[in-house]
């Protein structure tokens, strides 16, 4: 008789424990917020026992929604709007009870004066055994003034606020969440402002860079023009006259025109042209009964 009573008690205890056991064994929430306030969300949901359907709502409009499970394809109806309604049919077995959901949204972050307000309600409206939620901010942000954050942050039992490389990561670890408890995560953050002295130094660096660039350009121009000055310095008056006519004609001219422009005799021009060819200043191309004179630009910059 006692054995029967004890057996009945154990069966009743197991039955009640099974009823009160959380429907969701693990709920992972991984959110990354970029510089423009767009949130990239990944939800990992492991059920305590195989389920056929999952329904939940998200406050805000979402996009690029996907749902996967190693047990098979997940079919979801998503009605995106001010409130997004999600209804998924999920294949599960006793060994494969996890579904992964990802989406993007611009509605989790709002501008609040000079700060940003993150507010994400990711409640599943089911009892959850373990919740692990993280939000990663871009490197240019930090958590806002702690007094202000304490007034509105939820849940307040933030277990970790760590630096992930240069990125701030906020972590919540929750357990034994009942169905009526909301999973709404809220906090303020702000852009990191560089120190005033850094801004002043930055301006000095910009000015210094402009000055240095100007000097470099001047030196390049000066050295680029140097061959011309060197060549002109060793030319006599007649050679200069011929070169000036060629330059004025765009670097190429008929020898007959040089005779006309310089008022020199044909013989004199021929001797000057021969000298310039020997110096490597010009080159001569036979053109009918006259010559075409052309500056060698590699040695003479125009």
C-alpha atoms as a PDB file:
ATOM      1  CA  UNK A   1       0.000   0.000   0.000  1.00  0.00           C
ATOM      2  CA  UNK A   2       2.782   2.386   0.906  1.00  0.00           C
ATOM      3  CA  UNK A   3       4.564   1.550  -2.324  1.00  0.00           C
ATOM      4  CA  UNK A   4       1.395   2.350  -4.272  1.00  0.00           C
ATOM      5  CA  UNK A   5       1.003   5.712  -2.514  1.00  0.00           C
ATOM      6  CA  UNK A   6       4.653   6.551  -3.111  1.00  0.00           C
ATOM      7  CA  UNK A   7       4.382   5.585  -6.759  1.00  0.00           C
ATOM      8  CA  UNK A   8       1.258   7.740  -7.190  1.00  0.00           C
ATOM      9  CA  UNK A   9       3.049  10.678  -5.555  1.00  0.00           C
ATOM     10  CA  UNK A  10       6.027  10.337  -7.888  1.00  0.00           C
ATOM     11  CA  UNK A  11       3.810  10.125 -10.948  1.00  0.00           C
ATOM     12  CA  UNK A  12       1.887  13.220  -9.871  1.00  0.00           C
ATOM     13  CA  UNK A  13       5.132  15.103  -9.224  1.00  0.00           C
ATOM     14  CA  UNK A  14       6.514  14.228 -12.645  1.00  0.00           C
ATOM     15  CA  UNK A  15       3.247  15.205 -14.302  1.00  0.00           C
ATOM     16  CA  UNK A  16       3.186  18.605 -12.568  1.00  0.00           C
ATOM     17  CA  UNK A  17       6.866  19.166 -13.333  1.00  0.00           C
ATOM     18  CA  UNK A  18       6.240  18.429 -16.984  1.00  0.00           C
ATOM     19  CA  UNK A  19       3.329  20.897 -17.078  1.00  0.00           C
ATOM     20  CA  UNK A  20       5.272  23.675 -15.407  1.00  0.00           C
ATOM     21  CA  UNK A  21       8.431  23.063 -17.471  1.00  0.00           C
ATOM     22  CA  UNK A  22       9.349  25.943 -19.784  1.00  0.00           C
ATOM     23  CA  UNK A  23       8.195  25.585 -23.370  1.00  0.00           C
ATOM     24  CA  UNK A  24      11.453  27.151 -24.582  1.00  0.00           C
ATOM     25  CA  UNK A  25      14.660  25.779 -23.185  1.00  0.00           C
ATOM     26  CA  UNK A  26      17.038  28.405 -24.651  1.00  0.00           C
ATOM     27  CA  UNK A  27      16.473  31.781 -26.284  1.00  0.00           C
ATOM     28  CA  UNK A  28      19.529  33.478 -27.804  1.00  0.00           C
ATOM     29  CA  UNK A  29      19.280  37.065 -29.060  1.00  0.00           C
ATOM     30  CA  UNK A  30      22.241  38.490 -30.980  1.00  0.00           C
ATOM     31  CA  UNK A  31      21.856  42.069 -32.249  1.00  0.00           C
ATOM     32  CA  UNK A  32      24.372  44.294 -34.024  1.00  0.00           C
ATOM     33  CA  UNK A  33      23.656  48.005 -34.559  1.00  0.00           C
ATOM     34  CA  UNK A  34      25.543  49.835 -37.305  1.00  0.00           C
ATOM     35  CA  UNK A  35      26.493  53.528 -37.585  1.00  0.00           C
ATOM     36  CA  UNK A  36      23.129  54.471 -39.113  1.00  0.00           C
ATOM     37  CA  UNK A  37      21.034  52.753 -36.438  1.00  0.00           C
ATOM     38  CA  UNK A  38      20.044  49.690 -38.462  1.00  0.00           C
ATOM     39  CA  UNK A  39      19.764  46.582 -36.288  1.00  0.00           C
ATOM     40  CA  UNK A  40      20.780  43.136 -37.572  1.00  0.00           C
ATOM     41  CA  UNK A  41      19.072  40.538 -35.393  1.00  0.00           C
ATOM     42  CA  UNK A  42      19.584  36.789 -35.056  1.00  0.00           C
ATOM     43  CA  UNK A  43      17.304  34.713 -32.810  1.00  0.00           C
ATOM     44  CA  UNK A  44      18.190  31.163 -31.773  1.00  0.00           C
ATOM     45  CA  UNK A  45      15.249  29.306 -30.172  1.00  0.00           C
ATOM     46  CA  UNK A  46      15.542  25.818 -28.723  1.00  0.00           C
ATOM     47  CA  UNK A  47      12.258  24.261 -27.598  1.00  0.00           C
ATOM     48  CA  UNK A  48      11.947  21.971 -24.587  1.00  0.00           C
ATOM     49  CA  UNK A  49      10.048  19.479 -26.736  1.00  0.00           C
ATOM     50  CA  UNK A  50       9.117  19.337 -30.424  1.00  0.00           C
ATOM     51  CA  UNK A  51       6.631  22.017 -31.495  1.00  0.00           C
ATOM     52  CA  UNK A  52       4.842  22.475 -34.795  1.00  0.00           C
ATOM     53  CA  UNK A  53       4.175  26.197 -34.714  1.00  0.00           C
ATOM     54  CA  UNK A  54       5.716  29.443 -33.456  1.00  0.00           C
ATOM     55  CA  UNK A  55       3.843  32.754 -33.367  1.00  0.00           C
ATOM     56  CA  UNK A  56       5.167  36.056 -32.077  1.00  0.00           C
ATOM     57  CA  UNK A  57       5.089  39.783 -32.857  1.00  0.00           C
ATOM     58  CA  UNK A  58       7.796  42.405 -33.223  1.00  0.00           C
ATOM     59  CA  UNK A  59       7.159  46.110 -32.698  1.00  0.00           C
ATOM     60  CA  UNK A  60       8.437  47.738 -35.867  1.00  0.00           C
ATOM     61  CA  UNK A  61       8.858  47.010 -39.547  1.00  0.00           C
ATOM     62  CA  UNK A  62      11.389  44.318 -40.508  1.00  0.00           C
ATOM     63  CA  UNK A  63      13.070  43.213 -43.730  1.00  0.00           C
ATOM     64  CA  UNK A  64      15.273  40.403 -45.072  1.00  0.00           C
ATOM     65  CA  UNK A  65      13.557  37.842 -42.855  1.00  0.00           C
ATOM     66  CA  UNK A  66      14.868  34.263 -42.874  1.00  0.00           C
ATOM     67  CA  UNK A  67      14.092  31.180 -40.756  1.00  0.00           C
ATOM     68  CA  UNK A  68      16.011  27.897 -40.798  1.00  0.00           C
ATOM     69  CA  UNK A  69      16.124  24.594 -38.936  1.00  0.00           C
ATOM     70  CA  UNK A  70      18.351  21.546 -39.292  1.00  0.00           C
ATOM     71  CA  UNK A  71      15.187  19.446 -39.020  1.00  0.00           C
ATOM     72  CA  UNK A  72      13.916  20.747 -42.368  1.00  0.00           C
ATOM     73  CA  UNK A  73      12.510  23.807 -44.148  1.00  0.00           C
ATOM     74  CA  UNK A  74      10.669  26.391 -42.048  1.00  0.00           C
ATOM     75  CA  UNK A  75       7.619  28.048 -43.592  1.00  0.00           C
ATOM     76  CA  UNK A  76       6.773  31.494 -42.197  1.00  0.00           C
ATOM     77  CA  UNK A  77       4.086  34.055 -42.926  1.00  0.00           C
ATOM     78  CA  UNK A  78       5.418  37.549 -42.162  1.00  0.00           C
ATOM     79  CA  UNK A  79       3.171  40.623 -42.155  1.00  0.00           C
ATOM     80  CA  UNK A  80       5.538  43.576 -41.777  1.00  0.00           C
ATOM     81  CA  UNK A  81       4.198  46.909 -40.545  1.00  0.00           C
ATOM     82  CA  UNK A  82       4.161  49.098 -37.448  1.00  0.00           C
ATOM     83  CA  UNK A  83       3.782  45.733 -35.734  1.00  0.00           C
ATOM     84  CA  UNK A  84       5.188  42.725 -37.581  1.00  0.00           C
ATOM     85  CA  UNK A  85       3.254  39.463 -37.198  1.00  0.00           C
ATOM     86  CA  UNK A  86       5.246  36.243 -37.613  1.00  0.00           C
ATOM     87  CA  UNK A  87       3.674  32.791 -37.910  1.00  0.00           C
ATOM     88  CA  UNK A  88       6.019  29.868 -38.604  1.00  0.00           C
ATOM     89  CA  UNK A  89       5.397  26.179 -39.211  1.00  0.00           C
ATOM     90  CA  UNK A  90       8.512  24.407 -37.972  1.00  0.00           C
ATOM     91  CA  UNK A  91       9.574  20.770 -38.459  1.00  0.00           C
ATOM     92  CA  UNK A  92      11.086  19.255 -35.296  1.00  0.00           C
ATOM     93  CA  UNK A  93      12.196  15.993 -33.797  1.00  0.00           C
ATOM     94  CA  UNK A  94      13.195  15.172 -30.253  1.00  0.00           C
ATOM     95  CA  UNK A  95      16.851  15.625 -31.230  1.00  0.00           C
ATOM     96  CA  UNK A  96      16.349  18.655 -33.543  1.00  0.00           C
ATOM     97  CA  UNK A  97      14.365  21.299 -31.681  1.00  0.00           C
ATOM     98  CA  UNK A  98      16.173  24.515 -32.653  1.00  0.00           C
ATOM     99  CA  UNK A  99      15.108  27.185 -35.129  1.00  0.00           C
ATOM    100  CA  UNK A 100      17.170  30.204 -36.191  1.00  0.00           C
ATOM    101  CA  UNK A 101      15.522  33.443 -37.288  1.00  0.00           C
ATOM    102  CA  UNK A 102      17.242  36.550 -38.651  1.00  0.00           C
ATOM    103  CA  UNK A 103      16.028  39.919 -39.890  1.00  0.00           C
ATOM    104  CA  UNK A 104      16.958  43.594 -40.178  1.00  0.00           C
ATOM    105  CA  UNK A 105      15.087  46.652 -38.940  1.00  0.00           C
ATOM    106  CA  UNK A 106      15.450  50.428 -38.726  1.00  0.00           C
ATOM    107  CA  UNK A 107      12.818  50.694 -35.979  1.00  0.00           C
ATOM    108  CA  UNK A 108      14.803  49.583 -32.920  1.00  0.00           C
ATOM    109  CA  UNK A 109      16.791  52.836 -32.684  1.00  0.00           C
ATOM    110  CA  UNK A 110      15.326  56.322 -32.244  1.00  0.00           C
ATOM    111  CA  UNK A 111      17.136  59.660 -31.978  1.00  0.00           C
ATOM    112  CA  UNK A 112      16.561  61.351 -28.604  1.00  0.00           C
ATOM    113  CA  UNK A 113      18.071  64.858 -28.566  1.00  0.00           C
ATOM    114  CA  UNK A 114      21.830  64.250 -28.888  1.00  0.00           C
ATOM    115  CA  UNK A 115      21.547  60.572 -27.929  1.00  0.00           C
ATOM    116  CA  UNK A 116      20.189  57.359 -29.387  1.00  0.00           C
ATOM    117  CA  UNK A 117      17.561  55.152 -27.769  1.00  0.00           C
ATOM    118  CA  UNK A 118      17.600  51.417 -28.409  1.00  0.00           C
ATOM    119  CA  UNK A 119      14.252  49.719 -27.756  1.00  0.00           C
ATOM    120  CA  UNK A 120      13.611  46.139 -28.888  1.00  0.00           C
ATOM    121  CA  UNK A 121      10.678  44.019 -27.760  1.00  0.00           C
ATOM    122  CA  UNK A 122      11.539  40.414 -28.628  1.00  0.00           C
ATOM    123  CA  UNK A 123       9.024  38.673 -26.383  1.00  0.00           C
ATOM    124  CA  UNK A 124       7.857  35.232 -27.466  1.00  0.00           C
ATOM    125  CA  UNK A 125       4.947  35.105 -24.989  1.00  0.00           C
ATOM    126  CA  UNK A 126       6.084  31.710 -23.780  1.00  0.00           C
ATOM    127  CA  UNK A 127       7.885  30.567 -20.629  1.00  0.00           C
ATOM    128  CA  UNK A 128      11.641  30.499 -21.240  1.00  0.00           C
ATOM    129  CA  UNK A 129      14.215  28.639 -19.198  1.00  0.00           C
ATOM    130  CA  UNK A 130      17.368  30.543 -20.256  1.00  0.00           C
ATOM    131  CA  UNK A 131      17.785  33.857 -22.128  1.00  0.00           C
ATOM    132  CA  UNK A 132      21.108  35.155 -23.409  1.00  0.00           C
ATOM    133  CA  UNK A 133      20.822  38.514 -25.182  1.00  0.00           C
ATOM    134  CA  UNK A 134      23.590  40.713 -26.589  1.00  0.00           C
ATOM    135  CA  UNK A 135      23.658  44.060 -28.387  1.00  0.00           C
ATOM    136  CA  UNK A 136      26.864  45.157 -30.116  1.00  0.00           C
ATOM    137  CA  UNK A 137      27.371  48.831 -30.952  1.00  0.00           C
ATOM    138  CA  UNK A 138      29.574  50.311 -33.645  1.00  0.00           C
ATOM    139  CA  UNK A 139      33.057  51.466 -32.632  1.00  0.00           C
ATOM    140  CA  UNK A 140      32.044  55.135 -32.785  1.00  0.00           C
ATOM    141  CA  UNK A 141      29.445  54.747 -30.001  1.00  0.00           C
ATOM    142  CA  UNK A 142      29.420  54.278 -26.242  1.00  0.00           C
ATOM    143  CA  UNK A 143      26.737  53.901 -23.583  1.00  0.00           C
ATOM    144  CA  UNK A 144      25.167  57.204 -22.562  1.00  0.00           C
ATOM    145  CA  UNK A 145      25.412  58.818 -19.132  1.00  0.00           C
ATOM    146  CA  UNK A 146      24.772  56.087 -16.574  1.00  0.00           C
ATOM    147  CA  UNK A 147      22.233  58.120 -14.571  1.00  0.00           C
ATOM    148  CA  UNK A 148      20.105  58.571 -17.638  1.00  0.00           C
ATOM    149  CA  UNK A 149      20.522  54.932 -18.665  1.00  0.00           C
ATOM    150  CA  UNK A 150      19.518  53.651 -15.230  1.00  0.00           C
ATOM    151  CA  UNK A 151      16.208  55.478 -15.424  1.00  0.00           C
ATOM    152  CA  UNK A 152      15.013  53.568 -18.432  1.00  0.00           C
ATOM    153  CA  UNK A 153      17.287  50.571 -19.130  1.00  0.00           C
ATOM    154  CA  UNK A 154      15.523  47.217 -19.023  1.00  0.00           C
ATOM    155  CA  UNK A 155      16.178  44.621 -17.888  1.00  0.00           C
ATOM    156  CA  UNK A 156      18.272  46.363 -15.252  1.00  0.00           C
ATOM    157  CA  UNK A 157      20.233  43.250 -14.304  1.00  0.00           C
ATOM    158  CA  UNK A 158      22.809  43.749 -17.041  1.00  0.00           C
ATOM    159  CA  UNK A 159      25.407  41.155 -16.221  1.00  0.00           C
ATOM    160  CA  UNK A 160      28.154  42.420 -18.513  1.00  0.00           C
ATOM    161  CA  UNK A 161      29.043  45.630 -20.262  1.00  0.00           C
ATOM    162  CA  UNK A 162      32.298  44.785 -21.968  1.00  0.00           C
ATOM    163  CA  UNK A 163      34.510  46.078 -24.715  1.00  0.00           C
ATOM    164  CA  UNK A 164      34.551  43.721 -27.675  1.00  0.00           C
ATOM    165  CA  UNK A 165      37.747  44.871 -29.404  1.00  0.00           C
ATOM    166  CA  UNK A 166      36.815  48.539 -29.709  1.00  0.00           C
ATOM    167  CA  UNK A 167      33.108  47.679 -29.822  1.00  0.00           C
ATOM    168  CA  UNK A 168      30.845  47.939 -26.791  1.00  0.00           C
ATOM    169  CA  UNK A 169      28.740  44.812 -26.133  1.00  0.00           C
ATOM    170  CA  UNK A 170      25.810  44.804 -23.700  1.00  0.00           C
ATOM    171  CA  UNK A 171      24.866  41.381 -22.316  1.00  0.00           C
ATOM    172  CA  UNK A 172      21.792  40.157 -20.423  1.00  0.00           C
ATOM    173  CA  UNK A 173      21.535  36.700 -18.850  1.00  0.00           C
ATOM    174  CA  UNK A 174      18.034  35.856 -17.648  1.00  0.00           C
ATOM    175  CA  UNK A 175      16.467  32.659 -16.415  1.00  0.00           C
ATOM    176  CA  UNK A 176      13.074  31.193 -15.533  1.00  0.00           C
ATOM    177  CA  UNK A 177      11.084  33.770 -17.497  1.00  0.00           C
ATOM    178  CA  UNK A 178       7.341  33.241 -17.200  1.00  0.00           C
ATOM    179  CA  UNK A 179       4.978  33.749 -20.118  1.00  0.00           C
ATOM    180  CA  UNK A 180       3.758  37.173 -18.975  1.00  0.00           C
ATOM    181  CA  UNK A 181       7.257  38.632 -18.514  1.00  0.00           C
ATOM    182  CA  UNK A 182       8.234  40.879 -21.440  1.00  0.00           C
ATOM    183  CA  UNK A 183      11.602  40.565 -23.101  1.00  0.00           C
ATOM    184  CA  UNK A 184      12.068  44.213 -23.978  1.00  0.00           C
ATOM    185  CA  UNK A 185      15.625  45.568 -24.047  1.00  0.00           C
ATOM    186  CA  UNK A 186      16.214  49.305 -23.737  1.00  0.00           C
ATOM    187  CA  UNK A 187      19.181  51.630 -23.247  1.00  0.00           C
ATOM    188  CA  UNK A 188      20.648  54.961 -24.332  1.00  0.00           C
ATOM    189  CA  UNK A 189      23.895  55.352 -26.224  1.00  0.00           C
ATOM    190  CA  UNK A 190      25.773  58.249 -27.820  1.00  0.00           C
ATOM    191  CA  UNK A 191      28.441  59.004 -30.358  1.00  0.00           C
ATOM    192  CA  UNK A 192      31.986  59.326 -29.068  1.00  0.00           C
ATOM    193  CA  UNK A 193      33.136  62.938 -29.429  1.00  0.00           C
ATOM    194  CA  UNK A 194      36.876  63.471 -29.983  1.00  0.00           C
ATOM    195  CA  UNK A 195      38.611  65.694 -27.373  1.00  0.00           C
ATOM    196  CA  UNK A 196      38.823  69.402 -28.235  1.00  0.00           C
ATOM    197  CA  UNK A 197      42.616  69.249 -28.315  1.00  0.00           C
ATOM    198  CA  UNK A 198      42.352  66.449 -30.870  1.00  0.00           C
ATOM    199  CA  UNK A 199      40.143  68.622 -33.103  1.00  0.00           C
ATOM    200  CA  UNK A 200      42.644  71.489 -32.879  1.00  0.00           C
ATOM    201  CA  UNK A 201      45.508  69.173 -33.731  1.00  0.00           C
ATOM    202  CA  UNK A 202      43.514  67.748 -36.604  1.00  0.00           C
ATOM    203  CA  UNK A 203      43.050  71.255 -38.044  1.00  0.00           C
ATOM    204  CA  UNK A 204      46.784  71.892 -37.736  1.00  0.00           C
ATOM    205  CA  UNK A 205      47.504  68.637 -39.543  1.00  0.00           C
ATOM    206  CA  UNK A 206      45.139  69.631 -42.352  1.00  0.00           C
ATOM    207  CA  UNK A 207      46.801  73.049 -42.729  1.00  0.00           C
ATOM    208  CA  UNK A 208      50.236  71.459 -42.578  1.00  0.00           C
ATOM    209  CA  UNK A 209      49.196  68.955 -45.216  1.00  0.00           C
ATOM    210  CA  UNK A 210      47.994  71.722 -47.563  1.00  0.00           C
ATOM    211  CA  UNK A 211      51.258  73.665 -47.121  1.00  0.00           C
ATOM    212  CA  UNK A 212      53.360  70.541 -47.672  1.00  0.00           C
ATOM    213  CA  UNK A 213      51.376  69.646 -50.784  1.00  0.00           C
ATOM    214  CA  UNK A 214      51.875  73.151 -52.179  1.00  0.00           C
ATOM    215  CA  UNK A 215      55.637  72.964 -51.597  1.00  0.00           C
ATOM    216  CA  UNK A 216      55.845  69.553 -53.268  1.00  0.00           C
ATOM    217  CA  UNK A 217      53.859  70.758 -56.289  1.00  0.00           C
ATOM    218  CA  UNK A 218      56.104  73.825 -56.574  1.00  0.00           C
ATOM    219  CA  UNK A 219      59.266  71.704 -56.415  1.00  0.00           C
ATOM    220  CA  UNK A 220      57.933  69.252 -58.988  1.00  0.00           C
ATOM    221  CA  UNK A 221      57.034  72.131 -61.312  1.00  0.00           C
ATOM    222  CA  UNK A 222      60.411  73.763 -60.773  1.00  0.00           C
ATOM    223  CA  UNK A 223      62.424  70.646 -61.462  1.00  0.00           C
ATOM    224  CA  UNK A 224      60.182  69.787 -64.357  1.00  0.00           C
ATOM    225  CA  UNK A 225      61.002  73.116 -65.969  1.00  0.00           C
ATOM    226  CA  UNK A 226      64.702  72.845 -65.232  1.00  0.00           C
ATOM    227  CA  UNK A 227      65.680  71.118 -68.549  1.00  0.00           C
ATOM    228  CA  UNK A 228      64.230  74.049 -70.488  1.00  0.00           C
ATOM    229  CA  UNK A 229      66.269  76.575 -68.513  1.00  0.00           C
ATOM    230  CA  UNK A 230      69.443  74.516 -68.872  1.00  0.00           C
ATOM    231  CA  UNK A 231      69.000  74.232 -72.638  1.00  0.00           C
ATOM    232  CA  UNK A 232      68.192  77.902 -73.138  1.00  0.00           C
ATOM    233  CA  UNK A 233      71.229  78.912 -71.086  1.00  0.00           C
ATOM    234  CA  UNK A 234      73.641  77.315 -73.572  1.00  0.00           C
ATOM    235  CA  UNK A 235      71.991  78.555 -76.775  1.00  0.00           C
ATOM    236  CA  UNK A 236      73.306  81.539 -78.667  1.00  0.00           C
ATOM    237  CA  UNK A 237      71.070  84.335 -79.933  1.00  0.00           C
ATOM    238  CA  UNK A 238      70.434  82.735 -83.332  1.00  0.00           C
ATOM    239  CA  UNK A 239      69.594  79.364 -81.788  1.00  0.00           C
ATOM    240  CA  UNK A 240      67.206  81.037 -79.337  1.00  0.00           C
ATOM    241  CA  UNK A 241      65.407  82.777 -82.206  1.00  0.00           C
ATOM    242  CA  UNK A 242      64.865  79.477 -84.025  1.00  0.00           C
ATOM    243  CA  UNK A 243      63.718  77.707 -80.859  1.00  0.00           C
ATOM    244  CA  UNK A 244      61.316  80.572 -80.028  1.00  0.00           C
ATOM    245  CA  UNK A 245      59.671  80.233 -83.466  1.00  0.00           C
ATOM    246  CA  UNK A 246      59.269  76.468 -83.003  1.00  0.00           C
ATOM    247  CA  UNK A 247      57.791  76.950 -79.503  1.00  0.00           C
ATOM    248  CA  UNK A 248      55.392  79.640 -80.737  1.00  0.00           C
ATOM    249  CA  UNK A 249      54.188  77.250 -83.445  1.00  0.00           C
ATOM    250  CA  UNK A 250      53.309  74.570 -80.913  1.00  0.00           C
ATOM    251  CA  UNK A 251      56.539  72.544 -81.145  1.00  0.00           C
ATOM    252  CA  UNK A 252      56.494  71.814 -84.882  1.00  0.00           C
ATOM    253  CA  UNK A 253      57.157  74.184 -87.783  1.00  0.00           C
ATOM    254  CA  UNK A 254      58.397  74.238 -91.407  1.00  0.00           C
ATOM    255  CA  UNK A 255      61.971  75.439 -91.814  1.00  0.00           C
ATOM    256  CA  UNK A 256      60.767  77.878 -94.475  1.00  0.00           C
ATOM    257  CA  UNK A 257      58.612  79.642 -91.883  1.00  0.00           C
ATOM    258  CA  UNK A 258      61.609  79.898 -89.532  1.00  0.00           C
ATOM    259  CA  UNK A 259      63.501  81.742 -92.271  1.00  0.00           C
ATOM    260  CA  UNK A 260      60.574  84.134 -92.660  1.00  0.00           C
ATOM    261  CA  UNK A 261      60.054  84.716 -88.913  1.00  0.00           C
ATOM    262  CA  UNK A 262      63.730  85.202 -87.956  1.00  0.00           C
ATOM    263  CA  UNK A 263      64.805  87.266 -90.988  1.00  0.00           C
ATOM    264  CA  UNK A 264      67.871  85.046 -91.221  1.00  0.00           C
ATOM    265  CA  UNK A 265      69.261  83.689 -94.471  1.00  0.00           C
ATOM    266  CA  UNK A 266      68.464  80.143 -95.530  1.00  0.00           C
ATOM    267  CA  UNK A 267      72.099  79.170 -95.084  1.00  0.00           C
ATOM    268  CA  UNK A 268      72.244  80.650 -91.589  1.00  0.00           C
ATOM    269  CA  UNK A 269      69.033  78.880 -90.566  1.00  0.00           C
ATOM    270  CA  UNK A 270      70.385  75.604 -91.970  1.00  0.00           C
ATOM    271  CA  UNK A 271      73.553  75.957 -89.862  1.00  0.00           C
ATOM    272  CA  UNK A 272      71.520  76.803 -86.724  1.00  0.00           C
ATOM    273  CA  UNK A 273      69.192  73.846 -87.327  1.00  0.00           C
ATOM    274  CA  UNK A 274      72.179  71.526 -87.706  1.00  0.00           C
ATOM    275  CA  UNK A 275      73.579  72.789 -84.385  1.00  0.00           C
ATOM    276  CA  UNK A 276      70.259  72.282 -82.587  1.00  0.00           C
ATOM    277  CA  UNK A 277      69.996  68.741 -83.961  1.00  0.00           C
ATOM    278  CA  UNK A 278      73.495  67.973 -82.679  1.00  0.00           C
ATOM    279  CA  UNK A 279      72.569  69.328 -79.236  1.00  0.00           C
ATOM    280  CA  UNK A 280      69.545  67.049 -79.202  1.00  0.00           C
ATOM    281  CA  UNK A 281      67.092  69.965 -78.921  1.00  0.00           C
ATOM    282  CA  UNK A 282      65.180  69.364 -82.167  1.00  0.00           C
ATOM    283  CA  UNK A 283      64.772  66.728 -84.812  1.00  0.00           C
ATOM    284  CA  UNK A 284      64.360  67.233 -88.554  1.00  0.00           C
ATOM    285  CA  UNK A 285      61.908  65.468 -90.828  1.00  0.00           C
ATOM    286  CA  UNK A 286      62.142  65.897 -94.600  1.00  0.00           C
ATOM    287  CA  UNK A 287      58.872  67.287 -95.989  1.00  0.00           C
ATOM    288  CA  UNK A 288      58.908  67.791 -99.769  1.00  0.00           C
ATOM    289  CA  UNK A 289      61.404  70.518-100.629  1.00  0.00           C
ATOM    290  CA  UNK A 290      61.668  71.763 -97.078  1.00  0.00           C
ATOM    291  CA  UNK A 291      62.201  70.407 -93.567  1.00  0.00           C
ATOM    292  CA  UNK A 292      59.807  70.064 -90.655  1.00  0.00           C
ATOM    293  CA  UNK A 293      61.454  71.033 -87.374  1.00  0.00           C
ATOM    294  CA  UNK A 294      60.182  69.456 -84.181  1.00  0.00           C
ATOM    295  CA  UNK A 295      61.191  70.002 -80.539  1.00  0.00           C
ATOM    296  CA  UNK A 296      62.303  66.909 -78.653  1.00  0.00           C
ATOM    297  CA  UNK A 297      59.901  67.255 -75.682  1.00  0.00           C
ATOM    298  CA  UNK A 298      61.752  64.786 -73.484  1.00  0.00           C
ATOM    299  CA  UNK A 299      64.592  67.264 -73.264  1.00  0.00           C
ATOM    300  CA  UNK A 300      62.635  70.472 -73.701  1.00  0.00           C
ATOM    301  CA  UNK A 301      59.437  70.977 -71.674  1.00  0.00           C
ATOM    302  CA  UNK A 302      57.040  73.384 -73.281  1.00  0.00           C
END
